[in-house]
PDB file of N, CA and C in Angstrom:
ATOM      1  N   MET A   1      38.902 181.269  70.444  1.00  0.00           N
ATOM      2  CA  MET A   1      38.564 180.565  68.304  1.00  0.00           C
ATOM      3  C   MET A   1      37.980 179.676  68.184  1.00  0.00           C
ATOM      4  N   GLY A   2      36.667 179.867  67.626  1.00  0.00           N
ATOM      5  CA  GLY A   2      36.131 178.873  67.280  1.00  0.00           C
ATOM      6  C   GLY A   2      35.515 178.775  65.798  1.00  0.00           C
ATOM      7  N   TYR A   3      34.836 178.121  65.064  1.00  0.00           N
ATOM      8  CA  TYR A   3      34.752 177.579  64.058  1.00  0.00           C
ATOM      9  C   TYR A   3      33.070 177.554  64.012  1.00  0.00           C
ATOM     10  N   ALA A   4      32.304 177.580  62.602  1.00  0.00           N
ATOM     11  CA  ALA A   4      31.147 177.224  62.121  1.00  0.00           C
ATOM     12  C   ALA A   4      30.696 176.805  60.594  1.00  0.00           C
ATOM     13  N   TYR A   5      29.944 176.099  60.716  1.00  0.00           N
ATOM     14  CA  TYR A   5      29.413 175.549  59.688  1.00  0.00           C
ATOM     15  C   TYR A   5      28.121 176.358  58.981  1.00  0.00           C
ATOM     16  N   CYS A   6      27.497 176.407  58.093  1.00  0.00           N
ATOM     17  CA  CYS A   6      26.032 176.904  57.610  1.00  0.00           C
ATOM     18  C   CYS A   6      25.778 175.830  56.905  1.00  0.00           C
ATOM     19  N   THR A   7      24.480 175.339  57.639  1.00  0.00           N
ATOM     20  CA  THR A   7      23.725 174.087  57.058  1.00  0.00           C
ATOM     21  C   THR A   7      22.565 174.118  56.698  1.00  0.00           C
ATOM     22  N   SER A   8      22.340 173.776  55.510  1.00  0.00           N
ATOM     23  CA  SER A   8      20.589 174.308  54.861  1.00  0.00           C
ATOM     24  C   SER A   8      20.423 173.278  53.392  1.00  0.00           C
ATOM     25  N   ALA A   9      18.989 173.482  52.814  1.00  0.00           N
ATOM     26  CA  ALA A   9      18.914 172.353  51.823  1.00  0.00           C
ATOM     27  C   ALA A   9      19.795 173.573  50.867  1.00  0.00           C
ATOM     28  N   CYS A  10      20.046 172.610  49.543  1.00  0.00           N
ATOM     29  CA  CYS A  10      20.717 173.171  48.517  1.00  0.00           C
ATOM     30  C   CYS A  10      19.781 173.382  47.378  1.00  0.00           C
ATOM     31  N   PHE A  11      19.644 174.179  47.028  1.00  0.00           N
ATOM     32  CA  PHE A  11      18.994 174.914  46.010  1.00  0.00           C
ATOM     33  C   PHE A  11      18.378 174.174  44.860  1.00  0.00           C
ATOM     34  N   GLY A  12      19.072 173.564  44.147  1.00  0.00           N
ATOM     35  CA  GLY A  12      19.604 172.401  43.427  1.00  0.00           C
ATOM     36  C   GLY A  12      18.783 171.369  43.592  1.00  0.00           C
ATOM     37  N   CYS A  13      19.402 170.369  44.608  1.00  0.00           N
ATOM     38  CA  CYS A  13      19.175 169.231  44.739  1.00  0.00           C
ATOM     39  C   CYS A  13      18.359 169.098  46.190  1.00  0.00           C
ATOM     40  N   GLY A  14      18.417 169.757  47.076  1.00  0.00           N
ATOM     41  CA  GLY A  14      17.015 170.019  48.243  1.00  0.00           C
ATOM     42  C   GLY A  14      18.096 169.106  49.227  1.00  0.00           C
ATOM     43  N   ARG A  15      18.997 168.863  49.036  1.00  0.00           N
ATOM     44  CA  ARG A  15      20.026 167.557  49.811  1.00  0.00           C
ATOM     45  C   ARG A  15      20.512 168.708  50.874  1.00  0.00           C
ATOM     46  N   THR A  16      20.251 168.353  52.596  1.00  0.00           N
ATOM     47  CA  THR A  16      20.808 169.101  53.172  1.00  0.00           C
ATOM     48  C   THR A  16      22.882 168.982  53.404  1.00  0.00           C
ATOM     49  N   PHE A  17      23.557 170.095  53.188  1.00  0.00           N
ATOM     50  CA  PHE A  17      24.784 170.439  53.034  1.00  0.00           C
ATOM     51  C   PHE A  17      25.502 171.417  54.217  1.00  0.00           C
ATOM     52  N   CYS A  18      26.426 170.966  54.353  1.00  0.00           N
ATOM     53  CA  CYS A  18      27.591 171.937  55.069  1.00  0.00           C
ATOM     54  C   CYS A  18      28.030 172.659  54.235  1.00  0.00           C
ATOM     55  N   TYR A  19      28.551 174.150  54.829  1.00  0.00           N
ATOM     56  CA  TYR A  19      29.233 174.929  54.024  1.00  0.00           C
ATOM     57  C   TYR A  19      29.831 176.685  54.651  1.00  0.00           C
ATOM     58  N   ASN A  20      30.353 176.837  53.945  1.00  0.00           N
ATOM     59  CA  ASN A  20      31.093 178.290  54.242  1.00  0.00           C
ATOM     60  C   ASN A  20      30.372 179.295  54.019  1.00  0.00           C
ATOM     61  N   PRO A  21      29.260 179.866  54.932  1.00  0.00           N
ATOM     62  CA  PRO A  21      28.404 181.123  53.985  1.00  0.00           C
ATOM     63  C   PRO A  21      29.162 182.194  53.524  1.00  0.00           C
ATOM     64  N   MET A  22      30.453 182.380  53.707  1.00  0.00           N
ATOM     65  CA  MET A  22      30.927 183.470  53.371  1.00  0.00           C
ATOM     66  C   MET A  22      31.467 182.911  51.886  1.00  0.00           C
ATOM     67  N   ARG A  23      31.518 181.502  51.486  1.00  0.00           N
ATOM     68  CA  ARG A  23      32.426 181.396  50.357  1.00  0.00           C
ATOM     69  C   ARG A  23      31.605 180.365  49.361  1.00  0.00           C
ATOM     70  N   VAL A  24      30.380 179.839  50.263  1.00  0.00           N
ATOM     71  CA  VAL A  24      29.869 178.693  48.878  1.00  0.00           C
ATOM     72  C   VAL A  24      29.063 179.601  47.411  1.00  0.00           C
ATOM     73  N   PRO A  25      29.382 178.706  46.631  1.00  0.00           N
ATOM     74  CA  PRO A  25      28.321 179.152  45.287  1.00  0.00           C
ATOM     75  C   PRO A  25      27.183 179.474  45.745  1.00  0.00           C
ATOM     76  N   SER A  26      26.952 180.515  45.218  1.00  0.00           N
ATOM     77  CA  SER A  26      25.223 180.271  45.343  1.00  0.00           C
ATOM     78  C   SER A  26      24.348 180.960  43.805  1.00  0.00           C
ATOM     79  N   ILE A  27      23.198 180.582  43.732  1.00  0.00           N
ATOM     80  CA  ILE A  27      22.045 181.411  42.689  1.00  0.00           C
ATOM     81  C   ILE A  27      21.446 182.305  43.301  1.00  0.00           C
ATOM     82  N   ARG A  28      21.156 183.297  41.933  1.00  0.00           N
ATOM     83  CA  ARG A  28      19.919 183.916  42.632  1.00  0.00           C
ATOM     84  C   ARG A  28      18.489 183.752  42.705  1.00  0.00           C
ATOM     85  N   VAL A  29      17.749 183.845  43.496  1.00  0.00           N
ATOM     86  CA  VAL A  29      16.303 183.699  43.175  1.00  0.00           C
ATOM     87  C   VAL A  29      15.829 184.488  43.905  1.00  0.00           C
ATOM     88  N   LYS A  30      14.934 185.529  43.306  1.00  0.00           N
ATOM     89  CA  LYS A  30      14.067 186.238  43.747  1.00  0.00           C
ATOM     90  C   LYS A  30      15.015 187.217  44.220  1.00  0.00           C
ATOM     91  N   GLY A  31      15.884 187.674  43.672  1.00  0.00           N
ATOM     92  CA  GLY A  31      16.717 188.543  44.843  1.00  0.00           C
ATOM     93  C   GLY A  31      17.557 187.823  45.931  1.00  0.00           C
ATOM     94  N   MET A  32      17.580 186.840  46.016  1.00  0.00           N
ATOM     95  CA  MET A  32      18.472 186.375  47.323  1.00  0.00           C
ATOM     96  C   MET A  32      19.070 185.314  47.102  1.00  0.00           C
ATOM     97  N   ARG A  33      20.259 185.216  47.490  1.00  0.00           N
ATOM     98  CA  ARG A  33      21.431 183.999  46.600  1.00  0.00           C
ATOM     99  C   ARG A  33      21.080 182.647  47.991  1.00  0.00           C
ATOM    100  N   GLU A  34      20.678 181.896  47.071  1.00  0.00           N
ATOM    101  CA  GLU A  34      20.676 180.341  47.477  1.00  0.00           C
ATOM    102  C   GLU A  34      21.769 179.695  47.705  1.00  0.00           C
ATOM    103  N   PRO A  35      22.582 178.994  48.482  1.00  0.00           N
ATOM    104  CA  PRO A  35      23.445 178.053  48.098  1.00  0.00           C
ATOM    105  C   PRO A  35      23.410 176.508  47.608  1.00  0.00           C
ATOM    106  N   ILE A  36      24.243 176.166  46.208  1.00  0.00           N
ATOM    107  CA  ILE A  36      24.554 175.295  46.036  1.00  0.00           C
ATOM    108  C   ILE A  36      25.442 173.964  46.590  1.00  0.00           C
ATOM    109  N   CYS A  37      25.183 172.914  46.292  1.00  0.00           N
ATOM    110  CA  CYS A  37      26.265 172.241  46.903  1.00  0.00           C
ATOM    111  C   CYS A  37      27.217 171.493  45.950  1.00  0.00           C
ATOM    112  N   ARG A  38      27.905 170.978  46.475  1.00  0.00           N
ATOM    113  CA  ARG A  38      29.222 170.785  45.603  1.00  0.00           C
ATOM    114  C   ARG A  38      28.674 169.768  44.225  1.00  0.00           C
ATOM    115  N   ALA A  39      28.106 168.695  44.546  1.00  0.00           N
ATOM    116  CA  ALA A  39      27.394 167.953  43.497  1.00  0.00           C
ATOM    117  C   ALA A  39      26.506 168.583  42.347  1.00  0.00           C
ATOM    118  N   CYS A  40      25.663 169.299  42.765  1.00  0.00           N
ATOM    119  CA  CYS A  40      25.412 170.217  41.694  1.00  0.00           C
ATOM    120  C   CYS A  40      25.807 171.422  40.888  1.00  0.00           C
ATOM    121  N   VAL A  41      27.165 171.740  41.163  1.00  0.00           N
ATOM    122  CA  VAL A  41      27.919 173.066  40.686  1.00  0.00           C
ATOM    123  C   VAL A  41      28.912 172.031  39.884  1.00  0.00           C
ATOM    124  N   ASP A  42      28.802 170.279  39.987  1.00  0.00           N
ATOM    125  CA  ASP A  42      29.635 169.632  39.707  1.00  0.00           C
ATOM    126  C   ASP A  42      28.450 169.250  38.113  1.00  0.00           C
ATOM    127  N   ARG A  43      27.360 168.681  38.245  1.00  0.00           N
ATOM    128  CA  ARG A  43      26.323 168.523  37.253  1.00  0.00           C
ATOM    129  C   ARG A  43      25.922 170.015  36.485  1.00  0.00           C
ATOM    130  N   ALA A  44      26.289 170.963  37.069  1.00  0.00           N
ATOM    131  CA  ALA A  44      25.380 172.292  36.255  1.00  0.00           C
ATOM    132  C   ALA A  44      27.128 172.691  35.234  1.00  0.00           C
ATOM    133  N   ASN A  45      28.102 172.558  35.697  1.00  0.00           N
ATOM    134  CA  ASN A  45      29.154 172.893  34.597  1.00  0.00           C
ATOM    135  C   ASN A  45      29.462 172.419  33.766  1.00  0.00           C
ATOM    136  N   PRO A  46      28.910 171.071  33.205  1.00  0.00           N
ATOM    137  CA  PRO A  46      29.314 170.959  32.077  1.00  0.00           C
ATOM    138  C   PRO A  46      28.251 171.718  31.065  1.00  0.00           C
ATOM    139  N   GLU A  47      26.833 171.586  31.448  1.00  0.00           N
ATOM    140  CA  GLU A  47      25.947 172.681  30.773  1.00  0.00           C
ATOM    141  C   GLU A  47      26.407 174.131  30.507  1.00  0.00           C
ATOM    142  N   ARG A  48      26.635 174.594  31.531  1.00  0.00           N
ATOM    143  CA  ARG A  48      27.083 175.907  31.303  1.00  0.00           C
ATOM    144  C   ARG A  48      27.888 175.937  30.438  1.00  0.00           C
ATOM    145  N   ILE A  49      29.404 175.248  30.192  1.00  0.00           N
ATOM    146  CA  ILE A  49      30.478 175.447  29.510  1.00  0.00           C
ATOM    147  C   ILE A  49      29.758 174.984  27.809  1.00  0.00           C
ATOM    148  N   LYS A  50      28.872 174.160  28.131  1.00  0.00           N
ATOM    149  CA  LYS A  50      28.031 173.612  26.600  1.00  0.00           C
ATOM    150  C   LYS A  50      27.230 175.234  25.912  1.00  0.00           C
ATOM    151  N   ARG A  51      26.785 176.025  26.974  1.00  0.00           N
ATOM    152  CA  ARG A  51      26.370 177.033  26.550  1.00  0.00           C
ATOM    153  C   ARG A  51      27.296 178.468  26.315  1.00  0.00           C
ATOM    154  N   GLY A  52      28.175 177.972  26.423  1.00  0.00           N
ATOM    155  CA  GLY A  52      29.480 179.117  26.680  1.00  0.00           C
ATOM    156  C   GLY A  52      29.620 179.854  27.602  1.00  0.00           C
ATOM    157  N   LEU A  53      29.037 179.379  28.606  1.00  0.00           N
ATOM    158  CA  LEU A  53      29.354 179.735  30.139  1.00  0.00           C
ATOM    159  C   LEU A  53      30.654 179.501  30.507  1.00  0.00           C
ATOM    160  N   ASP A  54      31.155 181.037  31.681  1.00  0.00           N
ATOM    161  CA  ASP A  54      32.587 179.818  32.489  1.00  0.00           C
ATOM    162  C   ASP A  54      31.368 178.994  33.568  1.00  0.00           C
ATOM    163  N   PRO A  55      32.300 177.862  33.639  1.00  0.00           N
ATOM    164  CA  PRO A  55      31.834 177.366  34.635  1.00  0.00           C
ATOM    165  C   PRO A  55      32.024 177.801  36.130  1.00  0.00           C
ATOM    166  N   ILE A  56      31.491 176.777  37.154  1.00  0.00           N
ATOM    167  CA  ILE A  56      31.656 177.804  38.679  1.00  0.00           C
ATOM    168  C   ILE A  56      32.780 176.987  38.918  1.00  0.00           C
ATOM    169  N   VAL A  57      33.515 178.100  39.555  1.00  0.00           N
ATOM    170  CA  VAL A  57      34.590 177.845  40.115  1.00  0.00           C
ATOM    171  C   VAL A  57      34.747 177.688  42.028  1.00  0.00           C
ATOM    172  N   PRO A  58      34.153 176.741  43.035  1.00  0.00           N
ATOM    173  CA  PRO A  58      33.822 177.188  44.346  1.00  0.00           C
ATOM    174  C   PRO A  58      35.095 177.457  44.804  1.00  0.00           C
ATOM    175  N   ALA A  59      35.146 178.316  45.434  1.00  0.00           N
ATOM    176  CA  ALA A  59      36.244 178.618  46.448  1.00  0.00           C
ATOM    177  C   ALA A  59      37.037 177.595  47.228  1.00  0.00           C
ATOM    178  N   PRO A  60      38.079 177.356  47.484  1.00  0.00           N
ATOM    179  CA  PRO A  60      38.846 175.868  47.869  1.00  0.00           C
ATOM    180  C   PRO A  60      38.266 175.555  49.278  1.00  0.00           C
ATOM    181  N   ASP A  61      37.738 176.626  49.988  1.00  0.00           N
ATOM    182  CA  ASP A  61      37.446 176.561  51.205  1.00  0.00           C
ATOM    183  C   ASP A  61      35.732 176.994  51.262  1.00  0.00           C
ATOM    184  N   ALA A  62      35.017 176.375  50.149  1.00  0.00           N
ATOM    185  CA  ALA A  62      33.517 176.804  50.097  1.00  0.00           C
ATOM    186  C   ALA A  62      32.698 175.901  51.200  1.00  0.00           C
ATOM    187  N   TYR A  63      33.173 174.393  51.120  1.00  0.00           N
ATOM    188  CA  TYR A  63      32.490 173.855  51.786  1.00  0.00           C
ATOM    189  C   TYR A  63      33.079 173.026  53.322  1.00  0.00           C
ATOM    190  N   ASP A  64      34.310 174.135  53.926  1.00  0.00           N
ATOM    191  CA  ASP A  64      34.574 173.628  55.004  1.00  0.00           C
ATOM    192  C   ASP A  64      33.887 175.047  55.924  1.00  0.00           C
ATOM    193  N   PRO A  65      34.784 174.845  57.562  1.00  0.00           N
ATOM    194  CA  PRO A  65      33.948 175.434  58.317  1.00  0.00           C
ATOM    195  C   PRO A  65      34.815 176.291  58.109  1.00  0.00           C
ATOM    196  N   VAL A  66      34.233 178.086  58.770  1.00  0.00           N
ATOM    197  CA  VAL A  66      34.755 179.678  58.616  1.00  0.00           C
ATOM    198  C   VAL A  66      34.786 179.420  59.745  1.00  0.00           C
ATOM    199  N   ASP A  67      35.801 180.469  60.048  1.00  0.00           N
ATOM    200  CA  ASP A  67      36.648 180.910  61.792  1.00  0.00           C
ATOM    201  C   ASP A  67      35.901 181.810  61.402  1.00  0.00           C
ATOM    202  N   GLU A  68      35.071 181.952  63.308  1.00  0.00           N
ATOM    203  CA  GLU A  68      34.555 182.491  63.704  1.00  0.00           C
ATOM    204  C   GLU A  68      34.377 184.066  63.360  1.00  0.00           C
ATOM    205  N   ARG A  69      35.535 184.884  63.012  1.00  0.00           N
ATOM    206  CA  ARG A  69      36.393 185.803  62.854  1.00  0.00           C
ATOM    207  C   ARG A  69      35.791 186.470  61.670  1.00  0.00           C
ATOM    208  N   GLU A  70      35.275 185.678  60.734  1.00  0.00           N
ATOM    209  CA  GLU A  70      34.975 186.166  59.447  1.00  0.00           C
ATOM    210  C   GLU A  70      33.602 186.259  58.980  1.00  0.00           C
ATOM    211  N   LEU A  71      32.710 185.862  60.501  1.00  0.00           N
ATOM    212  CA  LEU A  71      31.685 186.378  60.093  1.00  0.00           C
ATOM    213  C   LEU A  71      31.624 187.766  60.266  1.00  0.00           C
ATOM    214  N   PRO A  72      30.315 188.170  59.805  1.00  0.00           N
ATOM    215  CA  PRO A  72      30.137 189.561  60.182  1.00  0.00           C
ATOM    216  C   PRO A  72      28.767 190.124  61.435  1.00  0.00           C
TER     217      PRO A  72
END
């Protein structure tokens, strides 16, 4: 049994971060899902709430490794 992280740049801030590709919060850009880091989620939520939108609530394991059996 193994585990994996996905690593890429956050679409919001550009910093490289690790995440579970099946659970990470993302935004759609030109039809593609782009991952966002926890810091960007935390920065975006007050503005979302102010605009009457629901806050982004990451899955508890969004930034943890994923069990290889969950990968497509």
